C-alpha atoms as a PDB file:
ATOM      1  CA  MET A   1      24.050-217.339 -43.424  1.00  0.00           C
ATOM      2  CA  ALA A   2      26.217-214.813 -41.433  1.00  0.00           C
ATOM      3  CA  GLN A   3      24.768-216.130 -38.165  1.00  0.00           C
ATOM      4  CA  ALA A   4      25.656-219.772 -39.146  1.00  0.00           C
ATOM      5  CA  LEU A   5      29.239-218.647 -39.885  1.00  0.00           C
ATOM      6  CA  ILE A   6      29.523-216.864 -36.542  1.00  0.00           C
ATOM      7  CA  ASP A   7      28.043-219.847 -34.697  1.00  0.00           C
ATOM      8  CA  SER A   8      30.449-222.228 -36.359  1.00  0.00           C
ATOM      9  CA  MET A   9      33.466-220.170 -35.370  1.00  0.00           C
ATOM     10  CA  SER A  10      32.247-219.389 -31.871  1.00  0.00           C
ATOM     11  CA  ASP A  11      33.229-221.382 -28.785  1.00  0.00           C
ATOM     12  CA  LYS A  12      32.837-220.988 -25.015  1.00  0.00           C
ATOM     13  CA  TRP A  13      35.269-218.589 -23.374  1.00  0.00           C
ATOM     14  CA  LYS A  14      38.209-220.535 -21.886  1.00  0.00           C
ATOM     15  CA  PRO A  15      40.432-217.956 -20.084  1.00  0.00           C
ATOM     16  CA  GLU A  16      42.949-220.644 -19.136  1.00  0.00           C
ATOM     17  CA  ALA A  17      43.764-221.048 -22.855  1.00  0.00           C
ATOM     18  CA  TYR A  18      45.257-217.594 -22.934  1.00  0.00           C
ATOM     19  CA  VAL A  19      48.491-216.207 -21.399  1.00  0.00           C
ATOM     20  CA  ASP A  20      49.096-212.614 -20.402  1.00  0.00           C
ATOM     21  CA  GLU A  21      52.632-212.193 -21.866  1.00  0.00           C
ATOM     22  CA  TYR A  22      52.788-208.541 -20.998  1.00  0.00           C
ATOM     23  CA  ARG A  23      51.991-209.157 -17.326  1.00  0.00           C
ATOM     24  CA  GLU A  24      54.673-211.871 -17.215  1.00  0.00           C
ATOM     25  CA  ALA A  25      57.244-209.536 -18.703  1.00  0.00           C
ATOM     26  CA  ILE A  26      56.422-206.778 -16.215  1.00  0.00           C
ATOM     27  CA  GLU A  27      56.635-209.218 -13.318  1.00  0.00           C
ATOM     28  CA  LYS A  28      60.024-210.351 -14.481  1.00  0.00           C
ATOM     29  CA  VAL A  29      61.283-206.710 -14.665  1.00  0.00           C
ATOM     30  CA  ILE A  30      59.950-206.106 -11.129  1.00  0.00           C
ATOM     31  CA  GLU A  31      61.681-209.343  -9.850  1.00  0.00           C
ATOM     32  CA  ASP A  32      64.953-208.333 -11.498  1.00  0.00           C
ATOM     33  CA  LYS A  33      64.783-204.898  -9.835  1.00  0.00           C
ATOM     34  CA  LEU A  34      64.094-206.487  -6.414  1.00  0.00           C
ATOM     35  CA  GLU A  35      66.930-208.900  -6.925  1.00  0.00           C
ATOM     36  CA  HIS A  36      69.524-206.304  -7.996  1.00  0.00           C
ATOM     37  CA  GLY A  37      68.351-203.585  -5.624  1.00  0.00           C
ATOM     38  CA  THR A  38      69.255-200.004  -6.570  1.00  0.00           C
ATOM     39  CA  LYS A  39      71.882-200.838  -9.120  1.00  0.00           C
ATOM     40  CA  ALA A  40      70.662-201.012 -12.704  1.00  0.00           C
ATOM     41  CA  ALA A  41      69.222-204.244 -13.881  1.00  0.00           C
ATOM     42  CA  PRO A  42      71.130-205.974 -16.619  1.00  0.00           C
ATOM     43  CA  LYS A  43      70.205-205.002 -20.130  1.00  0.00           C
ATOM     44  CA  PRO A  44      68.254-207.535 -22.120  1.00  0.00           C
ATOM     45  CA  ALA A  45      70.229-209.410 -24.775  1.00  0.00           C
ATOM     46  CA  ARG A  46      70.173-207.681 -28.127  1.00  0.00           C
ATOM     47  CA  ARG A  47      68.695-209.561 -31.035  1.00  0.00           C
ATOM     48  CA  ASN A  48      70.834-209.866 -34.079  1.00  0.00           C
ATOM     49  CA  LYS A  49      69.456-208.223 -37.187  1.00  0.00           C
ATOM     50  CA  ALA A  50      68.330-210.485 -39.988  1.00  0.00           C
ATOM     51  CA  THR A  51      71.101-210.939 -42.613  1.00  0.00           C
ATOM     52  CA  ASN A  52      68.915-212.367 -45.252  1.00  0.00           C
ATOM     53  CA  VAL A  53      67.185-209.074 -46.245  1.00  0.00           C
ATOM     54  CA  ILE A  54      66.619-208.790 -49.952  1.00  0.00           C
ATOM     55  CA  ASP A  55      66.391-205.470 -51.853  1.00  0.00           C
ATOM     56  CA  LEU A  56      63.274-206.211 -53.859  1.00  0.00           C
ATOM     57  CA  VAL A  57      63.554-203.056 -55.922  1.00  0.00           C
ATOM     58  CA  ALA A  58      67.066-204.033 -57.109  1.00  0.00           C
ATOM     59  CA  VAL A  59      65.952-207.539 -57.885  1.00  0.00           C
ATOM     60  CA  LEU A  60      62.963-206.359 -59.920  1.00  0.00           C
ATOM     61  CA  GLN A  61      65.087-203.783 -61.788  1.00  0.00           C
ATOM     62  CA  LYS A  62      67.581-206.486 -62.619  1.00  0.00           C
ATOM     63  CA  SER A  63      64.831-208.737 -63.830  1.00  0.00           C
ATOM     64  CA  LEU A  64      63.397-205.946 -66.015  1.00  0.00           C
ATOM     65  CA  ASP A  65      66.803-205.166 -67.458  1.00  0.00           C
ATOM     66  CA  GLN A  66      67.429-208.809 -68.306  1.00  0.00           C
ATOM     67  CA  SER A  67      64.024-209.246 -69.999  1.00  0.00           C
ATOM     68  CA  GLY A  68      64.303-206.052 -72.008  1.00  0.00           C
ATOM     69  CA  HIS A  69      61.116-204.545 -70.581  1.00  0.00           C
ATOM     70  CA  GLY A  70      62.939-202.069 -68.366  1.00  0.00           C
ATOM     71  CA  THR A  71      64.123-199.934 -71.253  1.00  0.00           C
ATOM     72  CA  LYS A  72      61.924-197.724 -73.453  1.00  0.00           C
ATOM     73  CA  LYS A  73      62.507-198.666 -77.093  1.00  0.00           C
ATOM     74  CA  GLY A  74      59.667-196.701 -78.620  1.00  0.00           C
ATOM     75  CA  LYS A  75      58.653-199.542 -80.942  1.00  0.00           C
ATOM     76  CA  ARG A  76      55.243-200.170 -79.538  1.00  0.00           C
ATOM     77  CA  PRO A  77      52.747-197.276 -79.152  1.00  0.00           C
ATOM     78  CA  THR A  78      51.393-196.597 -75.677  1.00  0.00           C
ATOM     79  CA  PRO A  79      47.831-197.704 -74.908  1.00  0.00           C
ATOM     80  CA  VAL A  80      46.467-194.172 -75.515  1.00  0.00           C
ATOM     81  CA  LYS A  81      48.046-194.069 -78.968  1.00  0.00           C
ATOM     82  CA  ARG A  82      46.610-197.494 -79.776  1.00  0.00           C
ATOM     83  CA  GLN A  83      43.102-196.363 -78.796  1.00  0.00           C
ATOM     84  CA  ALA A  84      43.442-193.292 -80.914  1.00  0.00           C
ATOM     85  CA  ALA A  85      44.564-195.366 -83.905  1.00  0.00           C
ATOM     86  CA  LYS A  86      41.553-197.700 -83.480  1.00  0.00           C
ATOM     87  CA  HIS A  87      39.219-194.709 -83.297  1.00  0.00           C
ATOM     88  CA  ARG A  88      40.672-193.279 -86.529  1.00  0.00           C
ATOM     89  CA  ARG A  89      40.233-196.624 -88.278  1.00  0.00           C
ATOM     90  CA  LYS A  90      36.598-196.768 -87.289  1.00  0.00           C
ATOM     91  CA  VAL A  91      35.884-193.167 -88.383  1.00  0.00           C
ATOM     92  CA  ALA A  92      37.604-193.530 -91.774  1.00  0.00           C
END
């Protein structure tokens, strides 16, 4: 079964289907240095930071507060207390 899975996902090696992005980036750096000589090459453009970052902890806390599950009310016993109560009922 494992061999059939491997055979179904295998294919002949096609090196032309892959691009060496690291090599291309290095070649670009070298070309920039050759073009600009001894002076420093221009710095790459900075990427803008994502502005749509969500603080998941704050969102979850707000959700818990709205649902009432985020506060301890003490009305329902904890699972350990429930198990002990069940055990006492069986023994008695």
